[in-house]
């Protein structure tokens, strides 16, 4: 059975902005890349309607047409449940904070059903993997005391237990190991890897400098 990679719009946009979509095309030969209807609208329908950034939605449309990206529907009752759980965990002045949007909830819903969630935006990743670190991050961002509902967090964690989350940087690492990067980028292999990671960081992938150093040590 082929592995499923559920893609959030953030990762696809990061890779598109860095001319890395061929990596997805190559990796789709051994894994199924899936997007939800909300993600489809975010990367194709809405940009077309606005008449902006036309090359990206045209590129993504071709990926859907050619079966590189597969559009699937998430169970809307499950999506509503995820939104209710996640957006009632953190509070500021006794008011719940909206942590994730519908597109992210749909992607997470599919990932809960089996597969890996690909997302570059760190809020959802922290919510699943490091909820207390997210609390500290929210405190830092909002400059106010953030409280948590331990009960809601426990329910959310049980629902999402076992979900594996990766960033576009992990796809680049896999492409590096498979010799895919050298097909599309000229130069020393390690220099190409470094350039790809720094470019992703500059375009929205939640990578720290130490993350990049770790990748280069591990793969170099």
C-alpha atoms as a PDB file:
ATOM      1  CA  UNK A   1       0.000   0.000   0.000  1.00  0.00           C
ATOM      2  CA  UNK A   2       1.376   3.401  -1.009  1.00  0.00           C
ATOM      3  CA  UNK A   3       2.053   5.965   1.680  1.00  0.00           C
ATOM      4  CA  UNK A   4      -0.268   8.987   1.798  1.00  0.00           C
ATOM      5  CA  UNK A   5       1.017  12.533   2.284  1.00  0.00           C
ATOM      6  CA  UNK A   6      -1.749  15.003   3.207  1.00  0.00           C
ATOM      7  CA  UNK A   7      -0.619  18.449   2.057  1.00  0.00           C
ATOM      8  CA  UNK A   8      -1.482  21.784   3.624  1.00  0.00           C
ATOM      9  CA  UNK A   9      -1.335  24.828   1.365  1.00  0.00           C
ATOM     10  CA  UNK A  10       1.620  26.310   3.285  1.00  0.00           C
ATOM     11  CA  UNK A  11       4.058  23.590   2.207  1.00  0.00           C
ATOM     12  CA  UNK A  12       2.948  23.549  -1.415  1.00  0.00           C
ATOM     13  CA  UNK A  13       3.211  27.335  -1.641  1.00  0.00           C
ATOM     14  CA  UNK A  14       6.683  27.286  -0.033  1.00  0.00           C
ATOM     15  CA  UNK A  15       7.894  24.737  -2.559  1.00  0.00           C
ATOM     16  CA  UNK A  16       6.253  26.499  -5.484  1.00  0.00           C
ATOM     17  CA  UNK A  17       7.904  29.806  -4.576  1.00  0.00           C
ATOM     18  CA  UNK A  18      11.286  28.050  -4.574  1.00  0.00           C
ATOM     19  CA  UNK A  19      10.871  26.148  -7.886  1.00  0.00           C
ATOM     20  CA  UNK A  20      10.736  22.825  -5.996  1.00  0.00           C
ATOM     21  CA  UNK A  21       7.470  21.424  -7.319  1.00  0.00           C
ATOM     22  CA  UNK A  22       9.423  18.906  -9.470  1.00  0.00           C
ATOM     23  CA  UNK A  23      10.435  17.278  -6.177  1.00  0.00           C
ATOM     24  CA  UNK A  24       6.763  16.583  -5.430  1.00  0.00           C
ATOM     25  CA  UNK A  25       6.288  15.230  -8.957  1.00  0.00           C
ATOM     26  CA  UNK A  26       9.239  12.857  -8.554  1.00  0.00           C
ATOM     27  CA  UNK A  27       8.202  11.669  -5.092  1.00  0.00           C
ATOM     28  CA  UNK A  28       4.608  11.120  -6.270  1.00  0.00           C
ATOM     29  CA  UNK A  29       5.884   8.053  -8.114  1.00  0.00           C
ATOM     30  CA  UNK A  30       6.191   6.269  -4.764  1.00  0.00           C
ATOM     31  CA  UNK A  31       3.654   8.107  -2.551  1.00  0.00           C
ATOM     32  CA  UNK A  32       0.169   9.606  -2.920  1.00  0.00           C
ATOM     33  CA  UNK A  33       0.033  13.377  -2.364  1.00  0.00           C
ATOM     34  CA  UNK A  34      -3.432  14.434  -1.225  1.00  0.00           C
ATOM     35  CA  UNK A  35      -5.103  17.836  -0.811  1.00  0.00           C
ATOM     36  CA  UNK A  36      -8.529  18.706   0.557  1.00  0.00           C
ATOM     37  CA  UNK A  37     -11.126  20.876  -1.171  1.00  0.00           C
ATOM     38  CA  UNK A  38     -10.257  23.804   1.115  1.00  0.00           C
ATOM     39  CA  UNK A  39      -6.571  23.534   0.202  1.00  0.00           C
ATOM     40  CA  UNK A  40      -7.565  23.281  -3.475  1.00  0.00           C
ATOM     41  CA  UNK A  41      -9.461  26.552  -3.090  1.00  0.00           C
ATOM     42  CA  UNK A  42      -6.532  28.208  -1.277  1.00  0.00           C
ATOM     43  CA  UNK A  43      -3.941  27.344  -3.940  1.00  0.00           C
ATOM     44  CA  UNK A  44      -6.064  27.336  -7.109  1.00  0.00           C
ATOM     45  CA  UNK A  45      -9.620  28.705  -6.933  1.00  0.00           C
ATOM     46  CA  UNK A  46      -9.082  31.837  -4.826  1.00  0.00           C
ATOM     47  CA  UNK A  47      -5.898  33.095  -6.560  1.00  0.00           C
ATOM     48  CA  UNK A  48      -7.567  32.618  -9.958  1.00  0.00           C
ATOM     49  CA  UNK A  49     -10.617  34.559  -8.800  1.00  0.00           C
ATOM     50  CA  UNK A  50      -8.426  37.433  -7.652  1.00  0.00           C
ATOM     51  CA  UNK A  51      -6.418  37.384 -10.859  1.00  0.00           C
ATOM     52  CA  UNK A  52      -3.132  37.360  -8.946  1.00  0.00           C
ATOM     53  CA  UNK A  53      -0.138  35.036  -8.802  1.00  0.00           C
ATOM     54  CA  UNK A  54      -1.468  33.214 -11.826  1.00  0.00           C
ATOM     55  CA  UNK A  55       1.520  30.959 -12.491  1.00  0.00           C
ATOM     56  CA  UNK A  56       1.208  29.125  -9.177  1.00  0.00           C
ATOM     57  CA  UNK A  57      -2.484  28.139  -9.523  1.00  0.00           C
ATOM     58  CA  UNK A  58      -1.882  27.133 -13.159  1.00  0.00           C
ATOM     59  CA  UNK A  59       0.975  24.925 -11.996  1.00  0.00           C
ATOM     60  CA  UNK A  60      -1.092  23.396  -9.204  1.00  0.00           C
ATOM     61  CA  UNK A  61      -4.023  22.845 -11.583  1.00  0.00           C
ATOM     62  CA  UNK A  62      -1.740  20.833 -13.844  1.00  0.00           C
ATOM     63  CA  UNK A  63      -0.584  18.730 -10.884  1.00  0.00           C
ATOM     64  CA  UNK A  64      -4.216  17.904 -10.060  1.00  0.00           C
ATOM     65  CA  UNK A  65      -5.054  17.147 -13.687  1.00  0.00           C
ATOM     66  CA  UNK A  66      -2.048  14.823 -14.006  1.00  0.00           C
ATOM     67  CA  UNK A  67      -2.765  12.976 -10.768  1.00  0.00           C
ATOM     68  CA  UNK A  68       0.257  14.268  -8.843  1.00  0.00           C
ATOM     69  CA  UNK A  69      -2.090  15.930  -6.347  1.00  0.00           C
ATOM     70  CA  UNK A  70      -5.276  14.045  -5.492  1.00  0.00           C
ATOM     71  CA  UNK A  71      -8.273  15.949  -4.129  1.00  0.00           C
ATOM     72  CA  UNK A  72     -10.167  14.184  -1.327  1.00  0.00           C
ATOM     73  CA  UNK A  73     -13.062  15.227   0.887  1.00  0.00           C
ATOM     74  CA  UNK A  74     -12.723  15.213   4.652  1.00  0.00           C
ATOM     75  CA  UNK A  75     -15.563  14.173   6.931  1.00  0.00           C
ATOM     76  CA  UNK A  76     -17.143  17.517   7.818  1.00  0.00           C
ATOM     77  CA  UNK A  77     -18.425  16.340  11.193  1.00  0.00           C
ATOM     78  CA  UNK A  78     -14.873  15.359  12.112  1.00  0.00           C
ATOM     79  CA  UNK A  79     -13.582  18.698  10.793  1.00  0.00           C
ATOM     80  CA  UNK A  80     -16.083  20.593  12.954  1.00  0.00           C
ATOM     81  CA  UNK A  81     -15.008  18.519  15.956  1.00  0.00           C
ATOM     82  CA  UNK A  82     -11.335  19.281  15.354  1.00  0.00           C
ATOM     83  CA  UNK A  83     -12.074  23.003  14.999  1.00  0.00           C
ATOM     84  CA  UNK A  84     -14.112  22.985  18.204  1.00  0.00           C
ATOM     85  CA  UNK A  85     -11.418  21.117  20.136  1.00  0.00           C
ATOM     86  CA  UNK A  86      -8.389  23.052  18.879  1.00  0.00           C
ATOM     87  CA  UNK A  87      -9.954  26.493  19.078  1.00  0.00           C
ATOM     88  CA  UNK A  88     -11.078  26.045  22.673  1.00  0.00           C
ATOM     89  CA  UNK A  89      -7.742  25.004  24.194  1.00  0.00           C
ATOM     90  CA  UNK A  90      -5.998  28.367  24.597  1.00  0.00           C
ATOM     91  CA  UNK A  91      -7.568  31.448  26.181  1.00  0.00           C
ATOM     92  CA  UNK A  92      -6.618  35.099  26.524  1.00  0.00           C
ATOM     93  CA  UNK A  93      -8.669  37.089  29.040  1.00  0.00           C
ATOM     94  CA  UNK A  94     -11.128  34.171  29.229  1.00  0.00           C
ATOM     95  CA  UNK A  95     -11.761  34.305  25.469  1.00  0.00           C
ATOM     96  CA  UNK A  96     -10.844  31.312  23.286  1.00  0.00           C
ATOM     97  CA  UNK A  97      -8.117  31.809  20.690  1.00  0.00           C
ATOM     98  CA  UNK A  98      -8.577  30.635  17.110  1.00  0.00           C
ATOM     99  CA  UNK A  99      -5.585  28.388  16.537  1.00  0.00           C
ATOM    100  CA  UNK A 100      -6.352  26.675  13.218  1.00  0.00           C
ATOM    101  CA  UNK A 101      -8.608  27.311  10.224  1.00  0.00           C
ATOM    102  CA  UNK A 102     -10.860  24.990   8.239  1.00  0.00           C
ATOM    103  CA  UNK A 103      -8.226  24.045   5.657  1.00  0.00           C
ATOM    104  CA  UNK A 104      -5.812  22.912   8.344  1.00  0.00           C
ATOM    105  CA  UNK A 105      -8.586  21.043  10.175  1.00  0.00           C
ATOM    106  CA  UNK A 106      -9.550  19.197   6.979  1.00  0.00           C
ATOM    107  CA  UNK A 107      -5.935  18.194   6.325  1.00  0.00           C
ATOM    108  CA  UNK A 108      -5.551  17.041   9.927  1.00  0.00           C
ATOM    109  CA  UNK A 109      -8.791  15.066   9.690  1.00  0.00           C
ATOM    110  CA  UNK A 110      -7.495  13.127   6.680  1.00  0.00           C
ATOM    111  CA  UNK A 111      -4.140  12.563   8.380  1.00  0.00           C
ATOM    112  CA  UNK A 112      -5.911  11.157  11.446  1.00  0.00           C
ATOM    113  CA  UNK A 113      -7.407   8.577   9.096  1.00  0.00           C
ATOM    114  CA  UNK A 114      -3.951   7.462   7.982  1.00  0.00           C
ATOM    115  CA  UNK A 115      -0.965   9.165   6.391  1.00  0.00           C
ATOM    116  CA  UNK A 116       1.563  11.895   7.037  1.00  0.00           C
ATOM    117  CA  UNK A 117       0.579  15.550   7.356  1.00  0.00           C
ATOM    118  CA  UNK A 118       2.807  17.936   5.365  1.00  0.00           C
ATOM    119  CA  UNK A 119       2.616  21.461   6.780  1.00  0.00           C
ATOM    120  CA  UNK A 120       5.128  24.313   7.032  1.00  0.00           C
ATOM    121  CA  UNK A 121       3.113  26.619   9.313  1.00  0.00           C
ATOM    122  CA  UNK A 122       4.231  25.808  12.847  1.00  0.00           C
ATOM    123  CA  UNK A 123       1.084  26.539  14.895  1.00  0.00           C
ATOM    124  CA  UNK A 124      -0.728  23.295  14.065  1.00  0.00           C
ATOM    125  CA  UNK A 125       2.496  21.294  14.283  1.00  0.00           C
ATOM    126  CA  UNK A 126       3.182  22.706  17.755  1.00  0.00           C
ATOM    127  CA  UNK A 127      -0.430  22.070  18.792  1.00  0.00           C
ATOM    128  CA  UNK A 128      -0.060  18.376  17.926  1.00  0.00           C
ATOM    129  CA  UNK A 129       3.544  17.829  19.002  1.00  0.00           C
ATOM    130  CA  UNK A 130       4.391  20.519  21.591  1.00  0.00           C
ATOM    131  CA  UNK A 131       1.223  22.151  22.998  1.00  0.00           C
ATOM    132  CA  UNK A 132       3.034  23.713  25.973  1.00  0.00           C
ATOM    133  CA  UNK A 133       5.672  25.192  23.687  1.00  0.00           C
ATOM    134  CA  UNK A 134       2.804  26.671  21.676  1.00  0.00           C
ATOM    135  CA  UNK A 135       1.453  28.237  24.871  1.00  0.00           C
ATOM    136  CA  UNK A 136       4.831  29.924  25.429  1.00  0.00           C
ATOM    137  CA  UNK A 137       4.885  31.083  21.817  1.00  0.00           C
ATOM    138  CA  UNK A 138       1.410  32.601  22.144  1.00  0.00           C
ATOM    139  CA  UNK A 139       2.463  34.363  25.332  1.00  0.00           C
ATOM    140  CA  UNK A 140       5.454  35.826  23.496  1.00  0.00           C
ATOM    141  CA  UNK A 141       3.432  36.882  20.456  1.00  0.00           C
ATOM    142  CA  UNK A 142       0.503  38.397  22.292  1.00  0.00           C
ATOM    143  CA  UNK A 143       2.288  39.846  25.315  1.00  0.00           C
ATOM    144  CA  UNK A 144      -0.419  38.618  27.638  1.00  0.00           C
ATOM    145  CA  UNK A 145      -1.091  35.686  29.948  1.00  0.00           C
ATOM    146  CA  UNK A 146      -2.384  32.658  28.037  1.00  0.00           C
ATOM    147  CA  UNK A 147      -4.269  29.922  29.862  1.00  0.00           C
ATOM    148  CA  UNK A 148      -5.002  26.385  28.675  1.00  0.00           C
ATOM    149  CA  UNK A 149      -7.841  23.950  29.032  1.00  0.00           C
ATOM    150  CA  UNK A 150      -6.159  20.685  30.055  1.00  0.00           C
ATOM    151  CA  UNK A 151      -9.412  18.808  29.433  1.00  0.00           C
ATOM    152  CA  UNK A 152      -9.779  20.081  25.856  1.00  0.00           C
ATOM    153  CA  UNK A 153      -6.104  19.430  25.166  1.00  0.00           C
ATOM    154  CA  UNK A 154      -6.408  15.834  26.350  1.00  0.00           C
ATOM    155  CA  UNK A 155      -9.423  15.246  24.087  1.00  0.00           C
ATOM    156  CA  UNK A 156      -7.571  16.773  21.122  1.00  0.00           C
ATOM    157  CA  UNK A 157      -4.438  14.718  21.761  1.00  0.00           C
ATOM    158  CA  UNK A 158      -6.425  11.481  21.948  1.00  0.00           C
ATOM    159  CA  UNK A 159      -8.142  12.316  18.670  1.00  0.00           C
ATOM    160  CA  UNK A 160      -4.862  13.066  16.881  1.00  0.00           C
ATOM    161  CA  UNK A 161      -2.696  10.414  18.508  1.00  0.00           C
ATOM    162  CA  UNK A 162      -0.225   8.864  16.077  1.00  0.00           C
ATOM    163  CA  UNK A 163      -0.386  11.620  13.444  1.00  0.00           C
ATOM    164  CA  UNK A 164       3.015  12.089  11.837  1.00  0.00           C
ATOM    165  CA  UNK A 165       3.851  15.650  10.764  1.00  0.00           C
ATOM    166  CA  UNK A 166       6.623  16.756   8.398  1.00  0.00           C
ATOM    167  CA  UNK A 167       7.648  20.022   6.724  1.00  0.00           C
ATOM    168  CA  UNK A 168       8.709  20.715   3.153  1.00  0.00           C
ATOM    169  CA  UNK A 169      12.288  20.514   4.443  1.00  0.00           C
ATOM    170  CA  UNK A 170      11.771  16.791   5.057  1.00  0.00           C
ATOM    171  CA  UNK A 171      10.719  16.366   1.428  1.00  0.00           C
ATOM    172  CA  UNK A 172      13.906  18.152   0.383  1.00  0.00           C
ATOM    173  CA  UNK A 173      15.930  15.819   2.634  1.00  0.00           C
ATOM    174  CA  UNK A 174      14.307  12.779   1.020  1.00  0.00           C
ATOM    175  CA  UNK A 175      14.949  14.241  -2.439  1.00  0.00           C
ATOM    176  CA  UNK A 176      18.590  14.792  -1.464  1.00  0.00           C
ATOM    177  CA  UNK A 177      18.988  11.173  -0.366  1.00  0.00           C
ATOM    178  CA  UNK A 178      17.331   9.898  -3.555  1.00  0.00           C
ATOM    179  CA  UNK A 179      19.526  12.017  -5.831  1.00  0.00           C
ATOM    180  CA  UNK A 180      16.583  14.096  -7.051  1.00  0.00           C
ATOM    181  CA  UNK A 181      17.964  17.553  -6.198  1.00  0.00           C
ATOM    182  CA  UNK A 182      20.927  17.182  -8.542  1.00  0.00           C
ATOM    183  CA  UNK A 183      18.525  16.709 -11.461  1.00  0.00           C
ATOM    184  CA  UNK A 184      17.150  20.227 -11.058  1.00  0.00           C
ATOM    185  CA  UNK A 185      19.866  22.258  -9.299  1.00  0.00           C
ATOM    186  CA  UNK A 186      23.493  22.621 -10.342  1.00  0.00           C
ATOM    187  CA  UNK A 187      26.345  22.632  -7.834  1.00  0.00           C
ATOM    188  CA  UNK A 188      27.923  20.693  -4.997  1.00  0.00           C
ATOM    189  CA  UNK A 189      25.270  18.406  -3.471  1.00  0.00           C
ATOM    190  CA  UNK A 190      25.664  19.764   0.042  1.00  0.00           C
ATOM    191  CA  UNK A 191      25.634  23.364  -1.199  1.00  0.00           C
ATOM    192  CA  UNK A 192      22.422  22.661  -3.108  1.00  0.00           C
ATOM    193  CA  UNK A 193      20.851  21.117  -0.010  1.00  0.00           C
ATOM    194  CA  UNK A 194      21.875  24.117   2.078  1.00  0.00           C
ATOM    195  CA  UNK A 195      20.503  26.562  -0.510  1.00  0.00           C
ATOM    196  CA  UNK A 196      17.187  24.693  -0.675  1.00  0.00           C
ATOM    197  CA  UNK A 197      16.757  24.713   3.096  1.00  0.00           C
ATOM    198  CA  UNK A 198      17.621  28.395   3.489  1.00  0.00           C
ATOM    199  CA  UNK A 199      15.259  29.274   0.630  1.00  0.00           C
ATOM    200  CA  UNK A 200      12.409  27.367   2.265  1.00  0.00           C
ATOM    201  CA  UNK A 201      13.084  29.156   5.549  1.00  0.00           C
ATOM    202  CA  UNK A 202      12.891  32.532   3.789  1.00  0.00           C
ATOM    203  CA  UNK A 203       9.567  31.629   2.154  1.00  0.00           C
ATOM    204  CA  UNK A 204       7.627  30.480   5.196  1.00  0.00           C
ATOM    205  CA  UNK A 205       8.841  27.044   6.275  1.00  0.00           C
ATOM    206  CA  UNK A 206       9.224  27.077  10.068  1.00  0.00           C
ATOM    207  CA  UNK A 207      12.929  26.235  10.161  1.00  0.00           C
ATOM    208  CA  UNK A 208      15.402  27.589  12.685  1.00  0.00           C
ATOM    209  CA  UNK A 209      19.085  28.102  11.951  1.00  0.00           C
ATOM    210  CA  UNK A 210      19.876  25.134  14.192  1.00  0.00           C
ATOM    211  CA  UNK A 211      17.345  22.997  12.278  1.00  0.00           C
ATOM    212  CA  UNK A 212      19.255  23.689   9.063  1.00  0.00           C
ATOM    213  CA  UNK A 213      22.585  22.921  10.722  1.00  0.00           C
ATOM    214  CA  UNK A 214      21.150  19.606  11.977  1.00  0.00           C
ATOM    215  CA  UNK A 215      19.965  18.661   8.481  1.00  0.00           C
ATOM    216  CA  UNK A 216      23.389  19.408   7.004  1.00  0.00           C
ATOM    217  CA  UNK A 217      25.192  17.393   9.698  1.00  0.00           C
ATOM    218  CA  UNK A 218      22.808  14.478   9.370  1.00  0.00           C
ATOM    219  CA  UNK A 219      22.802  14.341   5.571  1.00  0.00           C
ATOM    220  CA  UNK A 220      26.186  15.841   4.694  1.00  0.00           C
END
